[in-house]
N, C-alpha and C. Protein backbone atom coordinates (compact mmCIF):
# COMPACT_ATOMS: atom_id res chain seq x y z
N MET A 1 0.82 -1.20 0.00
CA MET A 1 0.00 0.00 0.00
C MET A 1 0.86 1.26 0.00
N ILE A 2 1.89 1.30 0.86
CA ILE A 2 2.76 2.47 0.96
C ILE A 2 3.48 2.72 -0.38
N GLU A 3 3.92 1.64 -1.06
CA GLU A 3 4.60 1.79 -2.34
C GLU A 3 3.69 2.47 -3.36
N TYR A 4 2.41 2.12 -3.35
CA TYR A 4 1.44 2.73 -4.26
C TYR A 4 1.33 4.23 -3.99
N LEU A 5 1.32 4.62 -2.73
CA LEU A 5 1.25 6.04 -2.39
C LEU A 5 2.48 6.79 -2.88
N PHE A 6 3.66 6.15 -2.80
CA PHE A 6 4.88 6.80 -3.29
C PHE A 6 4.82 6.99 -4.80
N GLU A 7 4.23 6.05 -5.53
CA GLU A 7 4.11 6.20 -6.98
C GLU A 7 3.20 7.37 -7.32
N ILE A 8 2.10 7.51 -6.60
CA ILE A 8 1.21 8.64 -6.81
C ILE A 8 1.96 9.94 -6.51
N ASN A 9 2.75 9.94 -5.43
CA ASN A 9 3.50 11.14 -5.07
C ASN A 9 4.51 11.51 -6.15
N LYS A 10 5.18 10.54 -6.74
CA LYS A 10 6.14 10.84 -7.81
C LYS A 10 5.42 11.47 -8.99
N MET A 11 4.25 10.94 -9.33
CA MET A 11 3.49 11.48 -10.45
C MET A 11 2.99 12.89 -10.13
N SER A 12 2.47 13.10 -8.93
CA SER A 12 1.97 14.43 -8.59
C SER A 12 3.12 15.43 -8.46
N LEU A 13 4.29 14.96 -8.00
CA LEU A 13 5.44 15.83 -7.91
C LEU A 13 5.89 16.26 -9.31
N ALA A 14 5.87 15.34 -10.25
CA ALA A 14 6.23 15.69 -11.63
C ALA A 14 5.25 16.71 -12.20
N ILE A 15 3.96 16.52 -11.94
CA ILE A 15 2.95 17.49 -12.40
C ILE A 15 3.16 18.83 -11.72
N GLU A 16 3.42 18.82 -10.44
CA GLU A 16 3.63 20.05 -9.68
C GLU A 16 4.86 20.80 -10.19
N LEU A 17 5.96 20.08 -10.46
CA LEU A 17 7.17 20.72 -10.98
C LEU A 17 6.95 21.28 -12.39
N ALA A 18 6.22 20.54 -13.21
CA ALA A 18 5.92 21.03 -14.57
C ALA A 18 5.06 22.29 -14.48
N ALA A 19 4.06 22.27 -13.62
CA ALA A 19 3.21 23.45 -13.45
C ALA A 19 4.01 24.63 -12.91
N LEU A 20 4.91 24.36 -11.98
CA LEU A 20 5.76 25.42 -11.42
C LEU A 20 6.64 26.03 -12.51
N PHE A 21 7.21 25.19 -13.37
CA PHE A 21 8.03 25.69 -14.48
C PHE A 21 7.19 26.55 -15.42
N ILE A 22 6.01 26.08 -15.76
CA ILE A 22 5.12 26.84 -16.65
C ILE A 22 4.74 28.17 -16.00
N LEU A 23 4.39 28.15 -14.72
CA LEU A 23 4.00 29.38 -14.03
C LEU A 23 5.16 30.36 -13.95
N ALA A 24 6.36 29.86 -13.64
CA ALA A 24 7.53 30.75 -13.56
C ALA A 24 7.82 31.37 -14.92
N THR A 25 7.71 30.59 -15.97
CA THR A 25 7.93 31.12 -17.32
C THR A 25 6.89 32.16 -17.66
N ILE A 26 5.63 31.87 -17.36
CA ILE A 26 4.55 32.82 -17.63
C ILE A 26 4.78 34.10 -16.85
N HIS A 27 5.16 33.97 -15.59
CA HIS A 27 5.39 35.16 -14.78
C HIS A 27 6.51 36.01 -15.37
N PHE A 28 7.60 35.36 -15.76
CA PHE A 28 8.72 36.09 -16.34
C PHE A 28 8.30 36.83 -17.61
N LEU A 29 7.59 36.15 -18.47
CA LEU A 29 7.20 36.75 -19.75
C LEU A 29 6.16 37.85 -19.57
N THR A 30 5.16 37.60 -18.73
CA THR A 30 4.09 38.60 -18.58
C THR A 30 4.57 39.82 -17.80
N SER A 31 5.45 39.64 -16.84
CA SER A 31 5.91 40.79 -16.07
C SER A 31 6.80 41.70 -16.92
N ARG A 32 7.47 41.16 -17.90
CA ARG A 32 8.31 41.97 -18.78
C ARG A 32 7.49 42.80 -19.75
N HIS A 33 6.31 42.32 -20.14
CA HIS A 33 5.50 42.99 -21.15
C HIS A 33 4.24 43.62 -20.58
N SER A 34 4.08 43.58 -19.29
CA SER A 34 2.81 44.02 -18.71
C SER A 34 2.80 45.53 -18.48
N ARG A 35 1.77 46.16 -19.00
CA ARG A 35 1.49 47.55 -18.69
C ARG A 35 0.10 47.65 -18.08
N ILE A 36 -0.54 46.50 -17.96
CA ILE A 36 -1.89 46.42 -17.44
C ILE A 36 -1.78 45.98 -15.98
N PHE A 37 -2.43 46.71 -15.09
CA PHE A 37 -2.31 46.39 -13.68
C PHE A 37 -3.52 45.58 -13.22
N THR A 38 -3.45 44.28 -13.48
CA THR A 38 -4.48 43.37 -13.00
C THR A 38 -3.84 42.45 -11.97
N ALA A 39 -4.63 41.60 -11.42
CA ALA A 39 -4.15 40.67 -10.41
C ALA A 39 -3.38 39.50 -11.01
N PHE A 40 -3.44 39.32 -12.31
CA PHE A 40 -2.87 38.13 -12.93
C PHE A 40 -1.39 37.90 -12.61
N PRO A 41 -0.49 38.88 -12.80
CA PRO A 41 0.92 38.62 -12.45
C PRO A 41 1.11 38.27 -10.97
N LEU A 42 0.34 38.94 -10.10
CA LEU A 42 0.40 38.64 -8.67
C LEU A 42 -0.06 37.21 -8.40
N VAL A 43 -1.16 36.83 -9.02
CA VAL A 43 -1.70 35.48 -8.83
C VAL A 43 -0.67 34.44 -9.28
N VAL A 44 -0.03 34.67 -10.42
CA VAL A 44 0.97 33.72 -10.92
C VAL A 44 2.15 33.64 -9.95
N SER A 45 2.60 34.79 -9.43
CA SER A 45 3.70 34.79 -8.47
C SER A 45 3.35 34.00 -7.21
N LEU A 46 2.17 34.26 -6.69
CA LEU A 46 1.76 33.56 -5.47
C LEU A 46 1.47 32.08 -5.73
N MET A 47 1.04 31.75 -6.95
CA MET A 47 0.87 30.33 -7.29
C MET A 47 2.23 29.62 -7.30
N CYS A 48 3.28 30.30 -7.78
CA CYS A 48 4.63 29.73 -7.74
C CYS A 48 5.06 29.47 -6.30
N ALA A 49 4.84 30.44 -5.44
CA ALA A 49 5.20 30.28 -4.03
C ALA A 49 4.40 29.15 -3.39
N THR A 50 3.11 29.07 -3.71
CA THR A 50 2.27 28.00 -3.18
C THR A 50 2.73 26.64 -3.68
N SER A 51 3.14 26.56 -4.94
CA SER A 51 3.64 25.30 -5.49
C SER A 51 4.89 24.85 -4.75
N LEU A 52 5.76 25.78 -4.43
CA LEU A 52 6.96 25.42 -3.67
C LEU A 52 6.59 24.90 -2.27
N LEU A 53 5.63 25.54 -1.64
CA LEU A 53 5.15 25.06 -0.34
C LEU A 53 4.53 23.67 -0.47
N HIS A 54 3.78 23.43 -1.54
CA HIS A 54 3.18 22.11 -1.76
C HIS A 54 4.24 21.04 -1.93
N ILE A 55 5.31 21.35 -2.61
CA ILE A 55 6.40 20.38 -2.78
C ILE A 55 7.01 20.05 -1.43
N GLY A 56 7.21 21.07 -0.59
CA GLY A 56 7.73 20.83 0.76
C GLY A 56 6.80 19.98 1.60
N ILE A 57 5.50 20.24 1.51
CA ILE A 57 4.51 19.45 2.25
C ILE A 57 4.53 18.01 1.75
N GLU A 58 4.64 17.84 0.45
CA GLU A 58 4.66 16.50 -0.11
C GLU A 58 5.87 15.71 0.38
N PHE A 59 7.04 16.33 0.38
CA PHE A 59 8.24 15.64 0.86
C PHE A 59 8.14 15.31 2.35
N ALA A 60 7.63 16.25 3.15
CA ALA A 60 7.50 16.01 4.58
C ALA A 60 6.53 14.85 4.84
N SER A 61 5.41 14.85 4.13
CA SER A 61 4.43 13.78 4.31
C SER A 61 5.01 12.44 3.90
N ARG A 62 5.72 12.44 2.79
CA ARG A 62 6.31 11.20 2.30
C ARG A 62 7.28 10.59 3.31
N MET A 63 8.08 11.44 3.93
CA MET A 63 9.02 10.93 4.94
C MET A 63 8.27 10.35 6.14
N LEU A 64 7.19 11.00 6.54
CA LEU A 64 6.43 10.53 7.69
C LEU A 64 5.64 9.26 7.38
N TRP A 65 5.27 9.05 6.13
CA TRP A 65 4.52 7.86 5.76
C TRP A 65 5.38 6.61 5.76
N SER A 66 6.67 6.76 5.87
CA SER A 66 7.55 5.58 5.82
C SER A 66 7.51 4.77 7.11
N SER A 67 6.97 5.34 8.16
CA SER A 67 6.88 4.63 9.44
C SER A 67 5.42 4.56 9.88
N GLU A 68 5.02 3.41 10.38
CA GLU A 68 3.65 3.22 10.84
C GLU A 68 3.31 4.17 12.00
N SER A 69 4.30 4.50 12.84
CA SER A 69 4.05 5.34 14.00
C SER A 69 3.80 6.81 13.61
N THR A 70 4.26 7.24 12.45
CA THR A 70 4.08 8.63 12.03
C THR A 70 3.13 8.76 10.83
N LEU A 71 2.45 7.68 10.50
CA LEU A 71 1.55 7.69 9.36
C LEU A 71 0.42 8.71 9.51
N ALA A 72 -0.19 8.76 10.68
CA ALA A 72 -1.30 9.70 10.92
C ALA A 72 -0.82 11.14 10.86
N LEU A 73 0.36 11.42 11.40
CA LEU A 73 0.91 12.76 11.35
C LEU A 73 1.21 13.16 9.90
N GLY A 74 1.76 12.23 9.14
CA GLY A 74 2.03 12.50 7.73
C GLY A 74 0.76 12.83 6.96
N SER A 75 -0.30 12.09 7.24
CA SER A 75 -1.58 12.35 6.57
C SER A 75 -2.17 13.69 6.99
N ALA A 76 -2.04 14.03 8.26
CA ALA A 76 -2.55 15.33 8.73
C ALA A 76 -1.78 16.46 8.06
N ILE A 77 -0.46 16.31 7.97
CA ILE A 77 0.35 17.34 7.31
C ILE A 77 -0.04 17.43 5.84
N TRP A 78 -0.29 16.28 5.21
CA TRP A 78 -0.67 16.27 3.79
C TRP A 78 -1.96 17.06 3.56
N TYR A 79 -3.05 16.60 4.16
CA TYR A 79 -4.36 17.21 3.90
C TYR A 79 -4.46 18.62 4.45
N LEU A 80 -4.11 18.79 5.72
CA LEU A 80 -4.28 20.10 6.35
C LEU A 80 -3.22 21.10 5.88
N GLY A 81 -2.03 20.62 5.54
CA GLY A 81 -0.99 21.50 5.00
C GLY A 81 -1.38 22.06 3.65
N PHE A 82 -1.89 21.18 2.77
CA PHE A 82 -2.35 21.65 1.46
C PHE A 82 -3.52 22.61 1.63
N ALA A 83 -4.44 22.29 2.53
CA ALA A 83 -5.59 23.18 2.77
C ALA A 83 -5.13 24.53 3.27
N LEU A 84 -4.22 24.53 4.23
CA LEU A 84 -3.74 25.79 4.80
C LEU A 84 -3.05 26.65 3.74
N THR A 85 -2.19 26.05 2.93
CA THR A 85 -1.50 26.84 1.90
C THR A 85 -2.48 27.34 0.83
N ASP A 86 -3.48 26.53 0.50
CA ASP A 86 -4.49 26.98 -0.47
C ASP A 86 -5.27 28.17 0.07
N PHE A 87 -5.69 28.09 1.34
CA PHE A 87 -6.43 29.20 1.95
C PHE A 87 -5.55 30.44 2.10
N LEU A 88 -4.28 30.24 2.48
CA LEU A 88 -3.36 31.38 2.60
C LEU A 88 -3.14 32.06 1.25
N PHE A 89 -3.06 31.26 0.19
CA PHE A 89 -2.93 31.81 -1.16
C PHE A 89 -4.10 32.73 -1.47
N VAL A 90 -5.31 32.28 -1.19
CA VAL A 90 -6.51 33.07 -1.47
C VAL A 90 -6.51 34.35 -0.64
N VAL A 91 -6.26 34.23 0.65
CA VAL A 91 -6.28 35.40 1.53
C VAL A 91 -5.19 36.40 1.13
N ALA A 92 -3.97 35.92 0.89
CA ALA A 92 -2.87 36.82 0.51
C ALA A 92 -3.17 37.54 -0.80
N THR A 93 -3.75 36.84 -1.74
CA THR A 93 -4.08 37.46 -3.03
C THR A 93 -5.16 38.53 -2.87
N VAL A 94 -6.20 38.20 -2.14
CA VAL A 94 -7.30 39.17 -1.94
C VAL A 94 -6.78 40.41 -1.21
N LEU A 95 -5.98 40.22 -0.15
CA LEU A 95 -5.45 41.35 0.60
C LEU A 95 -4.52 42.21 -0.27
N ALA A 96 -3.67 41.56 -1.06
CA ALA A 96 -2.76 42.31 -1.93
C ALA A 96 -3.54 43.07 -3.01
N CYS A 97 -4.57 42.46 -3.54
CA CYS A 97 -5.40 43.15 -4.55
C CYS A 97 -6.07 44.39 -3.95
N ARG A 98 -6.53 44.27 -2.72
CA ARG A 98 -7.14 45.43 -2.07
C ARG A 98 -6.11 46.52 -1.78
N LYS A 99 -4.96 46.09 -1.26
CA LYS A 99 -3.92 47.06 -0.88
C LYS A 99 -3.41 47.82 -2.09
N TYR A 100 -3.17 47.13 -3.19
CA TYR A 100 -2.59 47.76 -4.38
C TYR A 100 -3.64 48.11 -5.43
N ASN A 101 -4.90 47.97 -5.08
CA ASN A 101 -6.01 48.33 -5.96
C ASN A 101 -5.90 47.65 -7.33
N LEU A 102 -5.65 46.35 -7.32
CA LEU A 102 -5.51 45.58 -8.55
C LEU A 102 -6.87 45.05 -8.99
N LYS A 103 -7.13 45.16 -10.26
CA LYS A 103 -8.38 44.64 -10.82
C LYS A 103 -8.25 43.11 -10.93
N ARG A 104 -9.26 42.42 -10.45
CA ARG A 104 -9.26 40.95 -10.55
C ARG A 104 -9.92 40.55 -11.86
N ASP A 105 -9.09 40.04 -12.77
CA ASP A 105 -9.62 39.57 -14.05
C ASP A 105 -10.33 38.25 -13.83
N SER A 106 -11.04 37.78 -14.85
CA SER A 106 -11.86 36.58 -14.70
C SER A 106 -11.04 35.34 -14.37
N LEU A 107 -9.86 35.19 -14.96
CA LEU A 107 -9.04 34.01 -14.65
C LEU A 107 -8.52 34.06 -13.22
N SER A 108 -8.11 35.23 -12.77
CA SER A 108 -7.64 35.36 -11.39
C SER A 108 -8.74 34.99 -10.40
N VAL A 109 -9.94 35.42 -10.67
CA VAL A 109 -11.08 35.07 -9.81
C VAL A 109 -11.32 33.56 -9.85
N PHE A 110 -11.27 32.97 -11.06
CA PHE A 110 -11.45 31.52 -11.18
C PHE A 110 -10.39 30.78 -10.38
N ILE A 111 -9.14 31.22 -10.48
CA ILE A 111 -8.05 30.56 -9.75
C ILE A 111 -8.27 30.67 -8.25
N LEU A 112 -8.68 31.84 -7.77
CA LEU A 112 -8.95 32.00 -6.34
C LEU A 112 -10.08 31.08 -5.88
N ILE A 113 -11.12 30.98 -6.68
CA ILE A 113 -12.23 30.08 -6.34
C ILE A 113 -11.75 28.63 -6.35
N ALA A 114 -10.97 28.27 -7.36
CA ALA A 114 -10.46 26.89 -7.45
C ALA A 114 -9.60 26.54 -6.24
N PHE A 115 -8.72 27.44 -5.82
CA PHE A 115 -7.87 27.16 -4.66
C PHE A 115 -8.69 27.10 -3.38
N PHE A 116 -9.72 27.94 -3.26
CA PHE A 116 -10.59 27.87 -2.10
C PHE A 116 -11.31 26.52 -2.07
N ILE A 117 -11.81 26.09 -3.20
CA ILE A 117 -12.50 24.79 -3.28
C ILE A 117 -11.54 23.66 -2.96
N MET A 118 -10.30 23.74 -3.50
CA MET A 118 -9.32 22.68 -3.21
C MET A 118 -9.00 22.62 -1.71
N GLY A 119 -8.89 23.78 -1.08
CA GLY A 119 -8.65 23.80 0.36
C GLY A 119 -9.80 23.16 1.12
N PHE A 120 -11.01 23.49 0.73
CA PHE A 120 -12.20 22.91 1.36
C PHE A 120 -12.23 21.40 1.14
N ILE A 121 -11.91 20.94 -0.07
CA ILE A 121 -11.90 19.50 -0.36
C ILE A 121 -10.84 18.79 0.48
N GLN A 122 -9.70 19.42 0.68
CA GLN A 122 -8.63 18.81 1.51
C GLN A 122 -9.13 18.62 2.95
N VAL A 123 -9.78 19.63 3.49
CA VAL A 123 -10.31 19.54 4.86
C VAL A 123 -11.40 18.47 4.93
N ALA A 124 -12.30 18.48 3.95
CA ALA A 124 -13.39 17.49 3.93
C ALA A 124 -12.83 16.07 3.83
N ARG A 125 -11.82 15.88 3.01
CA ARG A 125 -11.21 14.54 2.86
C ARG A 125 -10.54 14.10 4.15
N TYR A 126 -9.85 15.01 4.83
CA TYR A 126 -9.22 14.67 6.10
C TYR A 126 -10.27 14.26 7.12
N CYS A 127 -11.35 15.03 7.22
CA CYS A 127 -12.43 14.69 8.15
C CYS A 127 -13.07 13.35 7.79
N ASP A 128 -13.31 13.16 6.49
CA ASP A 128 -13.92 11.91 6.00
C ASP A 128 -13.04 10.71 6.34
N ARG A 129 -11.77 10.85 6.17
CA ARG A 129 -10.86 9.71 6.31
C ARG A 129 -10.42 9.46 7.75
N TYR A 130 -10.18 10.50 8.53
CA TYR A 130 -9.57 10.31 9.84
C TYR A 130 -10.46 10.67 11.02
N ILE A 131 -11.42 11.55 10.84
CA ILE A 131 -12.29 11.90 11.97
C ILE A 131 -13.56 11.05 11.94
N ILE A 132 -14.28 11.09 10.81
CA ILE A 132 -15.50 10.29 10.67
C ILE A 132 -15.17 8.84 10.34
N GLN A 133 -14.06 8.61 9.67
CA GLN A 133 -13.56 7.29 9.25
C GLN A 133 -14.54 6.56 8.33
N MET A 134 -15.11 7.31 7.37
CA MET A 134 -16.01 6.70 6.40
C MET A 134 -15.28 6.35 5.10
N ASN A 135 -14.29 7.15 4.76
CA ASN A 135 -13.52 6.97 3.53
C ASN A 135 -14.42 6.98 2.28
N ALA A 136 -15.43 7.87 2.30
CA ALA A 136 -16.39 7.95 1.20
C ALA A 136 -15.96 8.91 0.10
N LEU A 137 -15.03 9.82 0.39
CA LEU A 137 -14.67 10.87 -0.56
C LEU A 137 -13.38 10.57 -1.34
N GLY A 138 -12.88 9.36 -1.27
CA GLY A 138 -11.60 9.02 -1.90
C GLY A 138 -11.53 9.34 -3.38
N ASP A 139 -12.44 8.79 -4.16
CA ASP A 139 -12.43 9.02 -5.60
C ASP A 139 -12.74 10.48 -5.94
N PHE A 140 -13.72 11.04 -5.25
CA PHE A 140 -14.06 12.44 -5.48
C PHE A 140 -12.85 13.33 -5.22
N TYR A 141 -12.16 13.08 -4.12
CA TYR A 141 -10.96 13.86 -3.76
C TYR A 141 -9.90 13.74 -4.86
N THR A 142 -9.60 12.52 -5.24
CA THR A 142 -8.54 12.28 -6.23
C THR A 142 -8.82 13.01 -7.53
N TYR A 143 -10.01 12.84 -8.07
CA TYR A 143 -10.31 13.41 -9.37
C TYR A 143 -10.58 14.91 -9.33
N SER A 144 -11.23 15.40 -8.28
CA SER A 144 -11.55 16.82 -8.22
C SER A 144 -10.29 17.67 -8.06
N ILE A 145 -9.36 17.23 -7.22
CA ILE A 145 -8.11 17.98 -7.05
C ILE A 145 -7.32 17.97 -8.35
N LEU A 146 -7.23 16.82 -8.98
CA LEU A 146 -6.50 16.71 -10.26
C LEU A 146 -7.13 17.61 -11.32
N ILE A 147 -8.44 17.57 -11.45
CA ILE A 147 -9.13 18.37 -12.47
C ILE A 147 -8.96 19.87 -12.19
N LEU A 148 -9.12 20.28 -10.94
CA LEU A 148 -8.96 21.71 -10.61
C LEU A 148 -7.53 22.18 -10.87
N ASN A 149 -6.53 21.35 -10.52
CA ASN A 149 -5.14 21.72 -10.80
C ASN A 149 -4.89 21.84 -12.30
N LEU A 150 -5.40 20.89 -13.06
CA LEU A 150 -5.21 20.94 -14.52
C LEU A 150 -5.92 22.16 -15.11
N MET A 151 -7.13 22.43 -14.65
CA MET A 151 -7.88 23.59 -15.18
C MET A 151 -7.15 24.90 -14.89
N THR A 152 -6.61 25.05 -13.68
CA THR A 152 -5.91 26.29 -13.36
C THR A 152 -4.62 26.41 -14.17
N THR A 153 -3.90 25.31 -14.35
CA THR A 153 -2.65 25.36 -15.11
C THR A 153 -2.91 25.65 -16.59
N VAL A 154 -3.86 24.95 -17.18
CA VAL A 154 -4.19 25.17 -18.59
C VAL A 154 -4.78 26.57 -18.80
N GLY A 155 -5.70 26.95 -17.93
CA GLY A 155 -6.30 28.28 -18.03
C GLY A 155 -5.26 29.38 -17.90
N THR A 156 -4.34 29.23 -16.95
CA THR A 156 -3.28 30.21 -16.77
C THR A 156 -2.39 30.29 -18.00
N SER A 157 -2.05 29.14 -18.55
CA SER A 157 -1.20 29.10 -19.76
C SER A 157 -1.88 29.79 -20.93
N LEU A 158 -3.15 29.48 -21.17
CA LEU A 158 -3.88 30.09 -22.28
C LEU A 158 -4.05 31.59 -22.08
N PHE A 159 -4.37 31.99 -20.87
CA PHE A 159 -4.54 33.41 -20.57
C PHE A 159 -3.22 34.16 -20.77
N ALA A 160 -2.12 33.53 -20.33
CA ALA A 160 -0.81 34.17 -20.48
C ALA A 160 -0.45 34.33 -21.95
N LEU A 161 -0.77 33.34 -22.78
CA LEU A 161 -0.51 33.46 -24.21
C LEU A 161 -1.31 34.62 -24.80
N LYS A 162 -2.57 34.74 -24.41
CA LYS A 162 -3.41 35.85 -24.88
C LYS A 162 -2.84 37.18 -24.39
N PHE A 163 -2.48 37.21 -23.14
CA PHE A 163 -1.90 38.40 -22.50
C PHE A 163 -0.64 38.84 -23.24
N LEU A 164 0.24 37.89 -23.54
CA LEU A 164 1.48 38.18 -24.26
C LEU A 164 1.21 38.64 -25.68
N ALA A 165 0.28 37.97 -26.35
CA ALA A 165 -0.04 38.34 -27.73
C ALA A 165 -0.55 39.77 -27.79
N ILE A 166 -1.41 40.15 -26.86
CA ILE A 166 -1.93 41.52 -26.83
C ILE A 166 -0.81 42.50 -26.53
N ALA A 167 0.03 42.17 -25.54
CA ALA A 167 1.13 43.07 -25.17
C ALA A 167 2.11 43.24 -26.33
N LEU A 168 2.43 42.16 -27.02
CA LEU A 168 3.35 42.25 -28.15
C LEU A 168 2.70 42.98 -29.32
N PHE A 169 1.41 42.78 -29.54
CA PHE A 169 0.71 43.48 -30.62
C PHE A 169 0.72 44.98 -30.37
N ILE A 170 0.45 45.39 -29.13
CA ILE A 170 0.45 46.81 -28.79
C ILE A 170 1.85 47.38 -28.97
N LYS A 171 2.85 46.65 -28.51
CA LYS A 171 4.24 47.10 -28.63
C LYS A 171 4.62 47.24 -30.11
N ASN A 172 4.27 46.23 -30.92
CA ASN A 172 4.61 46.28 -32.34
C ASN A 172 3.83 47.36 -33.08
N SER A 173 2.56 47.57 -32.74
CA SER A 173 1.78 48.59 -33.43
C SER A 173 2.29 49.99 -33.10
N LYS A 174 2.78 50.19 -31.89
CA LYS A 174 3.38 51.50 -31.52
C LYS A 174 4.67 51.71 -32.30
N GLY A 175 5.43 50.65 -32.49
CA GLY A 175 6.67 50.75 -33.26
C GLY A 175 6.40 51.06 -34.71
N VAL A 176 5.34 50.48 -35.27
CA VAL A 176 4.97 50.74 -36.65
C VAL A 176 4.51 52.18 -36.82
N GLN A 177 3.72 52.69 -35.84
CA GLN A 177 3.25 54.07 -35.90
C GLN A 177 4.42 55.05 -35.80
N ALA A 178 5.39 54.76 -34.96
CA ALA A 178 6.55 55.62 -34.82
C ALA A 178 7.36 55.64 -36.10
N THR A 179 7.48 54.49 -36.75
CA THR A 179 8.22 54.40 -38.00
C THR A 179 7.49 55.15 -39.11
N LYS A 180 6.17 55.06 -39.18
CA LYS A 180 5.39 55.77 -40.20
C LYS A 180 5.53 57.27 -40.01
N GLY A 181 5.55 57.71 -38.78
CA GLY A 181 5.66 59.15 -38.49
C GLY A 181 7.02 59.69 -38.89
N ALA A 182 8.05 58.87 -38.82
CA ALA A 182 9.39 59.30 -39.16
C ALA A 182 9.58 59.42 -40.66
N LEU A 183 8.77 58.70 -41.45
CA LEU A 183 8.89 58.75 -42.91
C LEU A 183 8.27 60.00 -43.37
């Protein structure tokens, strides 16, 4: 059973690292071309930080799962750690948006809702598995977290491509206008 959990962790770690790479690349590209002050670059930055925290939680849980005596602690760190970081991501983003008066675009709002839902699902799964001991949410937990993570990563990537295309188009059209004026 433990070996199966490690295989899932390797797969989720690979997905998490790939998403982190994509997010870091998107952040680098959008921050260089951004003249629009929306929450999107902030959301991407905080998603990168959250991904790093998730990797740390995953490694800590994995180490604790190797011993029967620390299995429950590892599971608590897994579910509640992910929930805590997801909720902190949402709160930090909302507070920063208010402080810096950033407009929340539709994707940023979707990402905040998705992270809030993922945090809630993590808490519900922990209660289902360890407090109530029904283990009824296993499949729902597995697929809903995976789908929400994929939706946020794909949505962020597509939005960033649109964002970059618009920024580059504006930059190029200004260059063309300046060249026409010089002739």
